[in-house]
Amino acid sequence: MTIDESFYIGYISKTRGLKGELQFFFEFEDYKELDFEVLFLEINKKLVPYFVDQIKVQSNSTAYINLEDVDHIDKAQPLVRKKVYLPNDKMPVRDPDDFRYSDLVGYEVVDNQEGKLGVITGVQELPQQHIATVDMEGKDLMFPLTEQLIVNIGKAERLLEVDLPEGLVALYREI
């Protein structure tokens, strides 16, 4: 299997104990809906399958996993910081009406005062709010995604209309 035939779900963050248990960090939003029979770890730019013996999914975007044939810390240590993938056919199907802030990546941003700003390249989820990063003339413009700032989301046109605070865009242009 290749990376094109799979989707990224997270990475191994550290070992736990001496018996090969690994801590896994999810970067995939719907991690509780995934099937964890086989995980594919990226090792030397190739996806290597590992069968899951046991997994304990936590509520904080982490899980503790035991993989077949990884029964000692010496076997687990080389897997730390490896990216983890699942086959595309294991991706959960989302309701088309289930729109999330992370879906805004790739949308063009237009501010009411400044006009076109650029395209959203990333959305970060912080404890208090989501932050959009826009590629504005080669610079990263960041702003919170809040109801107060969002004027309209045009899904068909992939357009996000915002009303950013006065001076925010000018501040990023000066940097």
Protein backbone atom coordinates (compact mmCIF):
# COMPACT_ATOMS: atom_id res chain seq x y z
CA MET A 1 0.00 0.00 0.00
CA THR A 2 1.19 3.53 -0.78
CA ILE A 3 0.55 6.85 0.96
CA ASP A 4 -1.80 7.80 -1.94
CA GLU A 5 -3.97 4.79 -1.06
CA SER A 6 -4.20 5.79 2.60
CA PHE A 7 -5.01 8.67 4.92
CA TYR A 8 -3.02 10.08 7.84
CA ILE A 9 -4.49 9.65 11.33
CA GLY A 10 -1.65 10.60 13.71
CA TYR A 11 1.69 9.51 15.07
CA ILE A 12 3.32 7.43 17.79
CA SER A 13 4.28 9.92 20.51
CA LYS A 14 6.18 7.77 23.02
CA THR A 15 6.64 4.38 24.63
CA ARG A 16 4.88 3.42 27.84
CA GLY A 17 6.31 0.85 30.21
CA LEU A 18 8.74 -1.93 29.37
CA LYS A 19 6.38 -4.32 27.53
CA GLY A 20 6.21 -2.44 24.22
CA GLU A 21 3.07 -0.38 24.81
CA LEU A 22 2.96 2.81 22.72
CA GLN A 23 1.17 6.10 23.16
CA PHE A 24 -0.54 7.26 19.98
CA PHE A 25 -1.64 10.84 19.25
CA PHE A 26 -4.56 11.34 16.84
CA GLU A 27 -4.54 14.23 14.38
CA PHE A 28 -7.68 12.86 12.69
CA GLU A 29 -10.87 14.50 13.99
CA ASP A 30 -13.17 11.46 13.98
CA TYR A 31 -10.68 9.07 15.59
CA LYS A 32 -13.36 7.34 17.69
CA GLU A 33 -15.01 6.06 14.49
CA LEU A 34 -11.88 4.37 13.06
CA ASP A 35 -11.23 0.64 12.73
CA PHE A 36 -7.88 -0.26 14.31
CA GLU A 37 -7.33 -3.83 13.14
CA VAL A 38 -4.18 -2.92 11.16
CA LEU A 39 -2.16 0.30 11.34
CA PHE A 40 0.37 1.34 8.70
CA LEU A 41 3.47 3.12 10.00
CA GLU A 42 5.64 5.18 7.67
CA ILE A 43 9.16 3.78 7.95
CA ASN A 44 11.82 4.85 5.42
CA LYS A 45 9.10 6.37 3.18
CA LYS A 46 7.21 3.05 3.00
CA LEU A 47 4.06 1.97 4.81
CA VAL A 48 4.66 -1.05 7.03
CA PRO A 49 1.59 -2.91 8.41
CA TYR A 50 1.31 -3.63 12.14
CA PHE A 51 -1.55 -5.68 13.58
CA VAL A 52 -3.14 -4.24 16.70
CA ASP A 53 -3.32 -6.60 19.71
CA GLN A 54 -5.01 -4.10 22.01
CA ILE A 55 -6.01 -0.44 21.91
CA LYS A 56 -7.33 1.80 24.67
CA VAL A 57 -8.72 4.99 23.13
CA GLN A 58 -8.68 7.98 25.49
CA SER A 59 -10.89 11.09 25.31
CA ASN A 60 -7.94 13.49 24.82
CA SER A 61 -7.02 12.50 21.23
CA THR A 62 -4.65 9.77 22.43
CA ALA A 63 -4.67 6.00 22.70
CA TYR A 64 -2.46 3.33 24.22
CA ILE A 65 -1.73 0.50 21.78
CA ASN A 66 -0.06 -2.88 21.82
CA LEU A 67 1.07 -4.15 18.43
CA GLU A 68 1.71 -7.79 17.51
CA ASP A 69 5.40 -8.71 17.79
CA VAL A 70 6.19 -5.47 19.64
CA ASP A 71 6.50 -6.89 23.14
CA HIS A 72 9.49 -5.03 24.56
CA ILE A 73 10.57 -1.40 24.87
CA ASP A 74 13.55 -2.13 22.59
CA LYS A 75 11.14 -3.09 19.77
CA ALA A 76 8.80 -0.16 20.51
CA GLN A 77 11.41 2.63 20.71
CA PRO A 78 12.19 2.72 16.93
CA LEU A 79 8.45 3.32 16.24
CA VAL A 80 8.31 6.58 18.23
CA ARG A 81 7.57 9.64 16.06
CA LYS A 82 6.44 7.48 13.12
CA LYS A 83 3.38 8.68 11.18
CA VAL A 84 0.40 6.33 11.16
CA TYR A 85 -2.00 5.73 8.26
CA LEU A 86 -5.09 3.68 7.47
CA PRO A 87 -6.32 2.50 4.03
CA ASN A 88 -8.69 4.92 2.26
CA ASP A 89 -11.51 2.38 2.43
CA LYS A 90 -11.40 2.62 6.26
CA MET A 91 -12.15 6.37 6.26
CA PRO A 92 -15.46 7.08 8.03
CA VAL A 93 -18.16 8.60 5.84
CA ARG A 94 -19.33 12.00 7.03
CA ASP A 95 -22.77 13.49 6.57
CA PRO A 96 -22.52 16.18 3.83
CA ASP A 97 -24.24 18.65 6.18
CA ASP A 98 -21.55 18.09 8.85
CA PHE A 99 -19.38 21.15 8.14
CA ARG A 100 -16.37 21.86 10.36
CA TYR A 101 -13.85 24.66 10.60
CA SER A 102 -11.16 22.27 9.34
CA ASP A 103 -13.14 22.03 6.07
CA LEU A 104 -12.21 25.68 5.38
CA VAL A 105 -8.68 24.73 4.28
CA GLY A 106 -8.42 25.76 0.61
CA TYR A 107 -11.11 28.45 0.88
CA GLU A 108 -10.36 31.97 -0.40
CA VAL A 109 -10.70 34.64 2.31
CA VAL A 110 -12.25 38.02 1.54
CA ASP A 111 -12.32 40.76 4.16
CA ASN A 112 -15.04 43.45 4.03
CA GLN A 113 -12.46 46.29 4.24
CA GLU A 114 -9.29 44.81 2.71
CA GLY A 115 -10.75 42.64 -0.08
CA LYS A 116 -9.09 39.35 -1.11
CA LEU A 117 -6.51 38.21 1.41
CA GLY A 118 -5.50 34.74 0.20
CA VAL A 119 -6.25 31.05 0.72
CA ILE A 120 -6.59 29.26 4.05
CA THR A 121 -3.63 26.88 4.39
CA GLY A 122 -4.45 25.51 7.83
CA VAL A 123 -6.88 25.52 10.74
CA GLN A 124 -5.62 24.93 14.29
CA GLU A 125 -7.93 23.84 17.08
CA LEU A 126 -6.97 25.50 20.34
CA PRO A 127 -8.82 24.99 23.63
CA GLN A 128 -10.63 28.34 23.35
CA GLN A 129 -11.17 28.61 19.57
CA HIS A 130 -10.09 27.69 16.05
CA ILE A 131 -7.40 29.75 14.30
CA ALA A 132 -7.19 30.09 10.51
CA THR A 133 -3.86 30.59 8.75
CA VAL A 134 -4.03 32.39 5.40
CA ASP A 135 -1.22 32.63 2.86
CA MET A 136 -1.29 36.39 2.25
CA GLU A 137 1.34 37.33 -0.33
CA GLY A 138 3.77 34.77 1.11
CA LYS A 139 3.11 35.74 4.74
CA ASP A 140 1.00 33.82 7.25
CA LEU A 141 -1.99 35.88 8.38
CA MET A 142 -3.72 34.32 11.40
CA PHE A 143 -7.14 35.13 12.83
CA PRO A 144 -9.72 33.41 15.06
CA LEU A 145 -12.67 31.69 13.44
CA THR A 146 -15.51 33.16 15.49
CA GLU A 147 -19.13 34.00 14.72
CA GLN A 148 -18.32 37.68 15.31
CA LEU A 149 -15.72 37.74 12.50
CA ILE A 150 -17.32 35.38 9.95
CA VAL A 151 -19.81 37.14 7.69
CA ASN A 152 -20.55 34.30 5.23
CA ILE A 153 -19.28 30.86 4.24
CA GLY A 154 -19.83 30.20 0.54
CA LYS A 155 -19.43 26.43 0.25
CA ALA A 156 -20.13 26.30 -3.50
CA GLU A 157 -17.58 29.04 -4.29
CA ARG A 158 -15.20 27.90 -1.50
CA LEU A 159 -15.20 31.47 -0.20
CA LEU A 160 -15.00 32.74 3.38
CA GLU A 161 -16.17 36.31 3.89
CA VAL A 162 -14.90 37.93 7.10
CA ASP A 163 -14.94 41.27 8.88
CA LEU A 164 -11.54 41.36 10.60
CA PRO A 165 -10.69 43.96 13.26
CA GLU A 166 -9.35 47.24 11.88
CA GLY A 167 -5.56 47.22 11.59
CA LEU A 168 -5.08 43.42 11.80
CA VAL A 169 -4.30 42.94 8.10
CA ALA A 170 -2.06 46.05 8.05
CA LEU A 171 -0.13 44.66 11.01
CA TYR A 172 0.65 41.44 9.10
CA ARG A 173 1.62 43.39 5.96
CA GLU A 174 4.23 45.33 7.97
CA ILE A 175 5.94 42.17 9.23
